[in-house]
Protein backbone atom coordinates (compact mmCIF):
# COMPACT_ATOMS: atom_id res chain seq x y z
CA MET A 1 -59.85 -59.79 -138.14
CA ASP A 2 -56.74 -61.00 -136.33
CA VAL A 3 -54.93 -63.96 -137.87
CA ILE A 4 -53.06 -66.51 -135.73
CA ASN A 5 -50.62 -68.62 -137.70
CA VAL A 6 -49.89 -72.19 -136.67
CA GLY A 7 -47.29 -74.67 -137.81
CA LEU A 8 -47.99 -78.40 -137.96
CA ILE A 9 -45.31 -81.06 -137.51
CA GLY A 10 -46.72 -84.39 -138.58
CA ALA A 11 -49.48 -84.65 -141.18
CA GLY A 12 -50.52 -88.23 -140.57
CA THR A 13 -53.94 -89.39 -139.40
CA VAL A 14 -54.44 -86.91 -136.56
CA GLY A 15 -52.62 -84.11 -138.37
CA SER A 16 -54.95 -84.55 -141.33
CA GLY A 17 -57.87 -84.43 -138.92
CA VAL A 18 -56.65 -81.13 -137.50
CA ILE A 19 -56.49 -79.66 -141.01
CA ARG A 20 -59.99 -80.94 -141.73
CA VAL A 21 -61.46 -79.48 -138.52
CA LEU A 22 -59.81 -76.10 -139.11
CA ASN A 23 -61.08 -76.05 -142.71
CA GLU A 24 -64.59 -77.44 -142.28
CA ASN A 25 -65.38 -75.56 -139.05
CA ARG A 26 -63.56 -72.38 -139.97
CA GLY A 27 -66.65 -70.20 -139.65
CA ILE A 28 -67.63 -71.56 -136.23
CA ILE A 29 -64.09 -71.21 -134.91
CA GLU A 30 -63.72 -67.64 -136.20
CA GLU A 31 -67.05 -66.66 -134.68
CA ARG A 32 -66.16 -68.08 -131.28
CA LEU A 33 -62.55 -66.93 -131.25
CA GLY A 34 -62.92 -63.59 -132.98
CA ALA A 35 -59.87 -64.39 -135.08
CA ARG A 36 -58.79 -66.61 -137.94
CA ILE A 37 -56.45 -69.57 -137.44
CA GLU A 38 -54.27 -70.22 -140.48
CA ILE A 39 -51.95 -73.16 -141.08
CA LYS A 40 -48.80 -71.41 -142.27
CA ARG A 41 -46.42 -74.37 -142.63
CA ILE A 42 -46.59 -78.19 -142.44
CA ALA A 43 -43.60 -80.46 -141.86
CA ASP A 44 -43.79 -84.15 -142.78
CA ILE A 45 -41.21 -86.67 -143.92
CA ASP A 46 -43.54 -88.13 -146.58
CA LEU A 47 -44.84 -85.57 -149.04
CA GLU A 48 -46.35 -88.16 -151.38
CA ARG A 49 -48.64 -90.12 -149.05
CA LYS A 50 -52.36 -90.03 -149.70
CA ARG A 51 -54.25 -88.05 -147.10
CA PRO A 52 -57.99 -87.80 -146.41
CA VAL A 53 -57.88 -84.04 -146.93
CA GLU A 54 -56.58 -81.76 -149.69
CA ILE A 55 -53.46 -79.82 -148.62
CA PRO A 56 -51.72 -77.26 -150.85
CA ARG A 57 -48.28 -78.58 -151.76
CA ALA A 58 -46.76 -75.15 -151.08
CA LEU A 59 -47.43 -75.52 -147.34
CA PHE A 60 -45.18 -78.58 -147.02
CA THR A 61 -41.57 -78.97 -145.98
CA THR A 62 -39.60 -82.00 -144.87
CA ASN A 63 -37.63 -79.87 -142.40
CA ALA A 64 -39.48 -79.41 -139.11
CA TRP A 65 -37.07 -76.68 -138.02
CA GLU A 66 -38.42 -74.45 -140.78
CA VAL A 67 -41.71 -74.48 -138.88
CA ILE A 68 -40.08 -73.90 -135.51
CA GLU A 69 -37.87 -71.04 -136.68
CA ASP A 70 -40.58 -69.20 -138.64
CA ARG A 71 -41.08 -65.95 -136.70
CA SER A 72 -44.63 -65.56 -138.01
CA ILE A 73 -45.77 -68.77 -136.31
CA PRO A 74 -46.57 -68.44 -132.58
CA ILE A 75 -48.11 -71.93 -132.13
CA VAL A 76 -46.45 -75.21 -133.10
CA ILE A 77 -48.44 -78.46 -133.18
CA GLU A 78 -46.42 -81.64 -132.63
CA LEU A 79 -48.13 -84.81 -133.89
CA ILE A 80 -45.28 -87.13 -134.85
CA GLY A 81 -45.24 -89.07 -131.58
CA GLY A 82 -42.28 -90.81 -130.00
CA THR A 83 -39.98 -89.60 -127.25
CA THR A 84 -36.77 -88.64 -129.02
CA VAL A 85 -37.20 -86.45 -132.10
CA ALA A 86 -40.49 -85.08 -130.77
CA LYS A 87 -38.84 -84.06 -127.52
CA ASP A 88 -36.08 -82.17 -129.34
CA LEU A 89 -38.61 -80.41 -131.55
CA ILE A 90 -40.88 -79.38 -128.67
CA LEU A 91 -37.97 -78.06 -126.60
CA GLY A 92 -36.64 -76.28 -129.68
CA ALA A 93 -40.02 -74.66 -130.28
CA MET A 94 -40.15 -73.46 -126.70
CA ARG A 95 -36.65 -72.00 -126.93
CA ASN A 96 -37.96 -70.06 -129.94
CA LYS A 97 -40.79 -68.76 -127.71
CA LYS A 98 -43.44 -70.84 -129.45
CA HIS A 99 -46.48 -72.18 -127.67
CA VAL A 100 -46.87 -75.93 -128.22
CA VAL A 101 -49.85 -78.24 -128.69
CA THR A 102 -49.22 -82.00 -128.54
CA ALA A 103 -51.03 -85.33 -128.28
CA ASN A 104 -47.85 -87.08 -127.16
CA LYS A 105 -48.76 -88.94 -123.96
CA ALA A 106 -45.60 -91.08 -123.92
CA LEU A 107 -43.38 -88.01 -124.06
CA LEU A 108 -45.24 -86.27 -121.24
CA ALA A 109 -45.27 -89.43 -119.13
CA LEU A 110 -41.55 -90.05 -119.49
CA HIS A 111 -40.19 -86.50 -119.80
CA GLY A 112 -42.95 -84.34 -118.38
CA ARG A 113 -40.71 -82.65 -115.82
CA GLU A 114 -38.33 -81.38 -118.49
CA ILE A 115 -41.09 -80.35 -120.90
CA PHE A 116 -43.17 -78.46 -118.34
CA GLU A 117 -40.15 -76.80 -116.75
CA ALA A 118 -39.05 -75.58 -120.18
CA ALA A 119 -42.52 -74.15 -120.83
CA SER A 120 -42.42 -72.33 -117.50
CA GLU A 121 -38.92 -70.97 -118.04
CA GLU A 122 -39.65 -69.78 -121.58
CA GLY A 123 -43.02 -68.25 -120.65
CA VAL A 124 -44.98 -70.32 -123.16
CA GLU A 125 -47.98 -72.61 -122.94
CA ILE A 126 -48.26 -76.27 -123.71
CA GLY A 127 -51.64 -77.73 -124.61
CA PHE A 128 -52.04 -81.49 -124.25
CA GLU A 129 -55.79 -82.14 -124.14
CA ALA A 130 -55.45 -84.77 -126.88
CA SER A 131 -52.90 -86.80 -124.90
CA VAL A 132 -55.57 -88.55 -122.80
CA ALA A 133 -58.89 -90.04 -123.96
CA GLY A 134 -59.03 -88.48 -127.44
CA GLY A 135 -62.06 -86.22 -127.79
CA ILE A 136 -63.08 -86.41 -124.12
CA PRO A 137 -62.07 -83.04 -122.58
CA ILE A 138 -60.74 -84.66 -119.41
CA ILE A 139 -57.66 -82.41 -119.06
CA ARG A 140 -59.71 -79.23 -119.10
CA VAL A 141 -62.36 -80.72 -116.79
CA ILE A 142 -59.79 -81.68 -114.15
CA ARG A 143 -57.89 -78.42 -114.48
CA GLU A 144 -60.91 -76.13 -114.45
CA GLY A 145 -64.15 -77.97 -113.72
CA TYR A 146 -62.82 -79.73 -110.62
CA VAL A 147 -60.60 -76.91 -109.41
CA ALA A 148 -62.60 -76.64 -106.16
CA ASN A 149 -62.23 -80.36 -105.43
CA ARG A 150 -59.71 -82.60 -103.83
CA ILE A 151 -59.62 -85.54 -106.21
CA LEU A 152 -60.01 -88.76 -104.24
CA SER A 153 -59.76 -91.38 -106.96
CA ILE A 154 -59.70 -91.97 -110.71
CA TYR A 155 -60.78 -95.08 -112.60
CA GLY A 156 -60.21 -94.96 -116.33
CA ILE A 157 -60.94 -97.11 -119.35
CA ILE A 158 -58.44 -95.18 -121.42
CA ASN A 159 -57.23 -97.63 -124.03
CA GLY A 160 -59.79 -98.28 -126.74
CA THR A 161 -57.95 -101.25 -128.25
CA SER A 162 -57.98 -103.25 -125.02
CA ASN A 163 -61.58 -102.35 -124.28
CA TYR A 164 -62.61 -103.40 -127.79
CA ILE A 165 -60.87 -106.76 -127.40
CA LEU A 166 -62.36 -107.46 -123.96
CA SER A 167 -65.82 -106.42 -125.16
CA LYS A 168 -65.66 -108.77 -128.16
CA MET A 169 -64.34 -111.63 -126.02
CA SER A 170 -67.24 -111.07 -123.62
CA GLU A 171 -69.87 -110.82 -126.35
CA ASP A 172 -68.67 -113.69 -128.53
CA GLY A 173 -66.86 -116.02 -126.13
CA ARG A 174 -63.77 -116.04 -128.34
CA GLU A 175 -60.10 -116.37 -127.43
CA PHE A 176 -57.82 -113.35 -127.02
CA ASN A 177 -55.61 -113.97 -130.07
CA GLU A 178 -58.58 -114.45 -132.37
CA VAL A 179 -60.18 -111.16 -131.30
CA LEU A 180 -56.83 -109.35 -131.47
CA ASN A 181 -56.45 -110.43 -135.11
CA GLN A 182 -59.93 -109.10 -135.84
CA ALA A 183 -59.10 -105.81 -134.10
CA GLN A 184 -56.01 -105.46 -136.29
CA ASP A 185 -58.00 -106.22 -139.44
CA GLU A 186 -60.60 -103.59 -138.50
CA GLY A 187 -58.01 -100.94 -137.61
CA TYR A 188 -58.63 -100.94 -133.86
CA ALA A 189 -55.19 -102.42 -133.11
CA GLU A 190 -51.75 -101.62 -134.46
CA ALA A 191 -49.61 -104.19 -136.27
CA ASP A 192 -47.55 -104.23 -133.06
CA PRO A 193 -50.23 -103.84 -130.37
CA SER A 194 -47.91 -104.26 -127.39
CA LEU A 195 -48.28 -100.75 -125.95
CA ASP A 196 -52.06 -101.16 -125.94
CA ILE A 197 -52.63 -104.73 -124.83
CA ASP A 198 -49.78 -104.72 -122.28
CA GLY A 199 -51.21 -101.66 -120.51
CA VAL A 200 -48.33 -99.27 -121.24
CA ASP A 201 -50.43 -96.78 -123.22
CA ALA A 202 -52.97 -96.61 -120.39
CA ALA A 203 -50.14 -96.09 -117.90
CA HIS A 204 -48.78 -93.16 -119.96
CA LYS A 205 -52.19 -91.51 -119.78
CA LEU A 206 -52.62 -92.32 -116.09
CA SER A 207 -49.39 -90.54 -115.21
CA ILE A 208 -50.71 -87.37 -116.87
CA LEU A 209 -54.01 -87.61 -114.99
CA ILE A 210 -52.10 -88.01 -111.73
CA MET A 211 -49.98 -84.92 -112.42
CA LEU A 212 -53.12 -82.89 -112.92
CA SER A 213 -55.37 -84.43 -110.28
CA PHE A 214 -52.89 -84.67 -107.42
CA GLY A 215 -50.55 -81.85 -108.43
CA THR A 216 -47.50 -84.04 -108.18
CA LEU A 217 -44.81 -85.82 -110.13
CA ILE A 218 -44.42 -89.58 -110.13
CA ASP A 219 -41.81 -91.97 -111.46
CA PHE A 220 -43.49 -93.55 -114.48
CA GLY A 221 -41.38 -96.68 -114.15
CA LYS A 222 -42.92 -97.41 -110.76
CA ILE A 223 -46.53 -97.55 -111.96
CA HIS A 224 -47.75 -101.14 -111.65
CA VAL A 225 -48.73 -102.28 -115.15
CA GLU A 226 -50.41 -105.48 -116.32
CA GLY A 227 -52.04 -106.13 -119.68
CA ILE A 228 -54.83 -108.34 -120.98
CA ARG A 229 -52.93 -111.09 -122.82
CA ASN A 230 -53.76 -113.68 -120.15
CA ILE A 231 -57.50 -112.99 -119.92
CA THR A 232 -59.46 -116.05 -121.07
CA PRO A 233 -63.08 -116.65 -122.07
CA LEU A 234 -63.28 -118.96 -119.04
CA ASP A 235 -62.50 -116.11 -116.63
CA ILE A 236 -64.87 -113.78 -118.47
CA SER A 237 -67.60 -116.41 -118.14
CA PHE A 238 -67.01 -116.95 -114.42
CA ALA A 239 -66.90 -113.20 -113.82
CA ASP A 240 -70.25 -112.94 -115.55
CA GLU A 241 -71.71 -115.61 -113.24
CA PHE A 242 -70.64 -113.56 -110.25
CA GLY A 243 -72.16 -110.41 -111.79
CA TYR A 244 -69.01 -108.72 -113.10
CA LYS A 245 -67.30 -107.68 -116.32
CA ILE A 246 -63.54 -107.58 -116.86
CA LYS A 247 -62.06 -104.21 -117.87
CA LEU A 248 -58.52 -102.90 -118.20
CA LEU A 249 -58.60 -100.10 -115.65
CA ALA A 250 -56.11 -97.32 -114.97
CA ILE A 251 -56.51 -96.52 -111.27
CA ALA A 252 -55.18 -93.68 -109.13
CA LYS A 253 -56.07 -92.98 -105.51
CA GLY A 254 -54.78 -90.35 -103.15
CA GLU A 255 -53.68 -92.02 -99.92
CA SER A 256 -52.09 -90.64 -96.76
CA GLY A 257 -49.02 -92.78 -97.43
CA GLY A 258 -48.69 -91.80 -101.07
CA ILE A 259 -50.54 -92.38 -104.33
CA GLU A 260 -51.88 -95.64 -105.70
CA ALA A 261 -51.05 -95.85 -109.41
CA ARG A 262 -51.82 -99.07 -111.22
CA VAL A 263 -53.07 -100.46 -114.53
CA HIS A 264 -54.44 -103.99 -114.68
CA PRO A 265 -57.45 -106.12 -115.63
CA THR A 266 -60.20 -105.54 -113.08
CA LEU A 267 -63.58 -107.00 -112.26
CA VAL A 268 -66.23 -104.26 -112.32
CA GLU A 269 -69.76 -104.95 -111.16
CA LYS A 270 -72.36 -105.12 -113.93
CA GLY A 271 -74.81 -102.24 -113.90
CA THR A 272 -72.22 -99.69 -112.78
CA PRO A 273 -71.20 -96.98 -115.29
CA LEU A 274 -67.77 -98.31 -116.27
CA ALA A 275 -69.04 -101.87 -116.77
CA ASP A 276 -71.28 -100.68 -119.61
CA VAL A 277 -68.46 -99.00 -121.58
CA SER A 278 -67.98 -101.24 -124.60
CA GLY A 279 -66.13 -101.34 -127.88
CA ALA A 280 -63.41 -98.76 -128.52
CA PHE A 281 -65.01 -96.16 -126.26
CA ASN A 282 -63.21 -94.59 -123.30
CA ALA A 283 -64.52 -93.43 -119.95
CA ILE A 284 -63.01 -91.75 -116.89
CA TYR A 285 -64.79 -92.11 -113.56
CA ILE A 286 -63.60 -89.48 -111.07
CA ILE A 287 -64.57 -89.00 -107.43
CA GLY A 288 -64.06 -85.54 -105.93
CA ASP A 289 -64.63 -84.61 -102.32
CA ALA A 290 -67.18 -81.92 -103.22
CA VAL A 291 -68.63 -83.02 -106.56
CA GLY A 292 -68.82 -86.73 -105.74
CA PRO A 293 -68.62 -89.33 -108.54
CA ASN A 294 -68.63 -88.12 -112.15
CA MET A 295 -68.00 -90.00 -115.39
CA LEU A 296 -66.90 -88.66 -118.78
CA TYR A 297 -67.52 -90.94 -121.76
CA GLY A 298 -66.75 -90.81 -125.45
CA MET A 299 -64.43 -91.77 -128.28
CA GLY A 300 -60.93 -92.10 -126.90
CA ALA A 301 -59.06 -92.17 -130.18
CA GLY A 302 -59.47 -91.72 -133.92
CA MET A 303 -58.71 -88.97 -136.37
CA MET A 304 -61.57 -86.56 -135.71
CA PRO A 305 -62.08 -86.94 -131.91
CA THR A 306 -58.35 -86.44 -131.32
CA ALA A 307 -58.20 -83.57 -133.78
CA SER A 308 -61.09 -81.92 -131.92
CA ALA A 309 -59.02 -81.95 -128.74
CA VAL A 310 -55.94 -80.58 -130.53
CA VAL A 311 -57.92 -77.69 -132.03
CA SER A 312 -59.47 -76.89 -128.63
CA ASP A 313 -55.95 -76.28 -127.31
CA ILE A 314 -55.03 -74.18 -130.33
CA VAL A 315 -58.09 -71.97 -129.78
CA GLN A 316 -57.42 -71.58 -126.05
CA ILE A 317 -53.82 -70.50 -126.66
CA ALA A 318 -54.93 -68.20 -129.48
CA ARG A 319 -57.35 -66.47 -127.08
CA ASN A 320 -54.46 -65.68 -124.74
CA ILE A 321 -52.32 -64.39 -127.61
CA ILE A 322 -55.12 -62.07 -128.72
CA ALA A 323 -55.63 -60.82 -125.17
CA HIS A 324 -51.85 -60.38 -124.72
CA GLU A 325 -52.01 -62.61 -121.67
CA SER A 326 -49.51 -65.16 -120.47
CA SER A 327 -51.37 -68.11 -119.04
CA TYR A 328 -49.86 -71.07 -117.24
CA SER A 329 -53.19 -72.75 -116.59
CA SER A 330 -52.11 -75.54 -118.92
CA LEU A 331 -49.31 -76.57 -116.56
CA PRO A 332 -49.82 -79.11 -113.78
CA LYS A 333 -49.67 -77.62 -110.31
CA SER A 334 -46.23 -79.13 -109.72
CA PHE A 335 -44.72 -77.06 -112.49
CA GLN A 336 -46.11 -73.79 -111.19
CA GLN A 337 -43.76 -74.29 -108.26
CA ARG A 338 -40.02 -74.65 -108.04
CA ASN A 339 -38.14 -77.73 -106.83
CA SER A 340 -41.05 -80.13 -107.33
CA THR A 341 -40.22 -83.62 -106.07
CA LEU A 342 -41.42 -87.08 -106.97
CA SER A 343 -44.30 -88.32 -104.87
CA ARG A 344 -44.21 -91.73 -103.27
CA LEU A 345 -46.28 -94.47 -104.88
CA VAL A 346 -47.95 -96.99 -102.61
CA PRO A 347 -46.32 -100.39 -103.26
CA MET A 348 -48.64 -103.08 -104.59
CA SER A 349 -47.94 -105.22 -101.53
CA LYS A 350 -49.89 -102.69 -99.45
CA ILE A 351 -52.85 -102.38 -101.83
CA ALA A 352 -56.11 -103.79 -100.43
CA THR A 353 -58.86 -105.04 -102.76
CA LYS A 354 -61.21 -107.94 -103.21
CA TYR A 355 -60.00 -110.72 -105.50
CA TYR A 356 -61.27 -113.21 -108.04
CA LEU A 357 -59.27 -116.45 -107.80
CA ARG A 358 -59.37 -119.46 -110.13
CA PHE A 359 -57.63 -122.75 -109.46
CA GLN A 360 -57.47 -125.78 -111.74
CA VAL A 361 -57.50 -128.72 -109.34
CA GLU A 362 -57.74 -132.47 -109.17
CA ASP A 363 -61.35 -133.39 -108.49
CA ARG A 364 -61.03 -135.10 -105.13
CA PRO A 365 -62.50 -134.54 -101.65
CA GLY A 366 -60.84 -131.97 -99.39
CA VAL A 367 -59.28 -129.79 -102.11
CA LEU A 368 -61.47 -126.78 -101.43
CA GLY A 369 -60.87 -127.07 -97.70
CA LYS A 370 -57.13 -127.15 -98.27
CA ILE A 371 -57.27 -124.00 -100.39
CA ALA A 372 -59.58 -122.26 -97.91
CA GLY A 373 -57.27 -123.17 -95.05
CA SER A 374 -54.28 -121.56 -96.75
CA LEU A 375 -56.27 -118.42 -97.54
CA GLY A 376 -57.53 -118.17 -93.96
CA LYS A 377 -54.05 -118.62 -92.56
CA ASN A 378 -53.01 -115.58 -94.63
CA ASN A 379 -55.87 -113.33 -93.42
CA ILE A 380 -58.03 -113.81 -96.52
CA SER A 381 -61.72 -114.60 -96.05
CA ILE A 382 -63.93 -116.14 -98.72
CA GLU A 383 -67.08 -114.37 -99.91
CA SER A 384 -68.36 -116.95 -102.41
CA VAL A 385 -67.30 -120.06 -104.34
CA ILE A 386 -68.12 -121.80 -107.63
CA GLN A 387 -66.92 -125.38 -108.08
CA LYS A 388 -67.67 -126.79 -111.52
CA GLY A 389 -68.24 -130.40 -112.53
CA ARG A 390 -67.75 -133.75 -110.94
CA HIS A 391 -65.08 -135.60 -112.87
CA ILE A 392 -63.51 -137.99 -110.37
CA GLY A 393 -59.88 -138.43 -111.30
CA GLY A 394 -60.01 -135.46 -113.66
CA GLU A 395 -59.50 -131.73 -113.27
CA VAL A 396 -62.07 -129.03 -112.48
CA PRO A 397 -61.94 -125.28 -111.92
CA VAL A 398 -62.56 -123.85 -108.47
CA VAL A 399 -63.40 -120.13 -108.44
CA ILE A 400 -63.37 -118.03 -105.28
CA MET A 401 -64.33 -114.43 -104.60
CA THR A 402 -62.64 -113.00 -101.52
CA HIS A 403 -63.42 -110.19 -99.15
CA GLU A 404 -60.96 -107.28 -99.13
CA ALA A 405 -57.40 -108.36 -98.41
CA LYS A 406 -53.86 -107.04 -98.62
CA GLU A 407 -52.00 -107.97 -101.79
CA ARG A 408 -48.98 -109.17 -99.84
CA ASP A 409 -51.22 -111.65 -97.99
CA LEU A 410 -52.71 -112.89 -101.25
CA MET A 411 -49.25 -113.38 -102.81
CA SER A 412 -48.16 -115.34 -99.76
CA ALA A 413 -51.24 -117.56 -99.94
CA LEU A 414 -50.92 -118.19 -103.68
CA GLU A 415 -47.25 -119.10 -103.34
CA GLU A 416 -48.25 -121.76 -100.85
CA ILE A 417 -51.33 -122.99 -102.75
CA ASN A 418 -49.50 -123.29 -106.07
CA LYS A 419 -47.19 -125.86 -104.46
CA PHE A 420 -50.05 -128.19 -103.54
CA PRO A 421 -49.85 -131.40 -105.64
CA VAL A 422 -53.61 -131.14 -106.37
CA ILE A 423 -53.16 -127.75 -108.08
CA LYS A 424 -52.57 -128.04 -111.82
CA GLY A 425 -50.80 -125.02 -113.25
CA ASN A 426 -50.51 -121.60 -111.68
CA SER A 427 -53.59 -120.04 -110.15
CA VAL A 428 -55.29 -117.00 -111.68
CA PHE A 429 -56.13 -113.86 -109.75
CA ILE A 430 -57.84 -110.67 -110.89
CA ARG A 431 -58.46 -107.67 -108.67
CA ILE A 432 -61.96 -106.33 -108.03
CA GLU A 433 -62.91 -102.66 -107.64
CA ASP A 434 -66.16 -101.63 -105.96
CA LEU A 435 -67.48 -98.56 -107.83
CA SER A 436 -71.10 -98.72 -106.71
């Protein structure tokens, strides 16, 4: 039986999961591949840490270049994360004619052009199934399952931490900071959760989905990104009254004038597939011109789901090695061509959606009419209104759902409304997406 050696850089949580999958499912993998996958060398800076799997000490080194420069290793797995050392190691592996498997979404989002061009120039493959949505095989589905489709739009719940927090806030009526602390205690959130709760992690993943779905490069820095820090139980409660749930969505749409690329809290109608995704689960809702709407759902993170995706890439590359084939199917369309250019992103000012608006106002006659007048003057029509309480001389919330409007018109209206003396504090707006 053929033996394919692999080298692992980074034996943390996911790295340990990869070792466990390769060990525990060795027989299944060998049967399906027709070859044995052996871990030849493991590089990690901490040789003493406790791991959830037994690893022979002889496999370890603290020098990652020993893995990269080992001529008997054709596949290198990078699982250290980050965008500096990891980048150098991946490019070094490719220069040594090694195929690479990575889960590093930040690196691909920020330096994808350089990484993919290097893979193409060196004639090696890069597998990155684990970079988006953990164990959900979204990369392979887009690349192969939807190959006959023009992708029209993508809506993704692709950050489990944020979805867990919003789900708990919705279920328990608790404040954001309280639920975040619980998520950290239960291991759903990092000690520094900024990348997750500020939407950056979801934006990293969205940029990869765009490369694959639309066959184009984008400037990551121009993706519109908002997080969930400002979501309150009050807004969750009002959304529920209107028949919606609030989700952090990563959204991409192919438009004639460019590509919409945005991450932000979004109202999603209850009873639609994405609205029912709760806890730390992920889901990607894709609409293709031939296949129509599809949704993939599952665990978006964690040791074993992510390890499953990493091993799937290892096996796919191993198949090509055994067959003596050079496959570039792992590369986005842009990198199978020369001189790829950045595609234009549609500015947020030109985005058109429905909106949820909440104003804290003095409870006096004529306030709603004043707000409605400003909205109407800016081409925004009202679909429905909730006005709570009657506390003459006090403050009450006024909540409005609009029909579809341009974002630039909404910003103009809110700038005007926020200056009204009867408005207390800045208004709140959350975009609405119709997925029915």
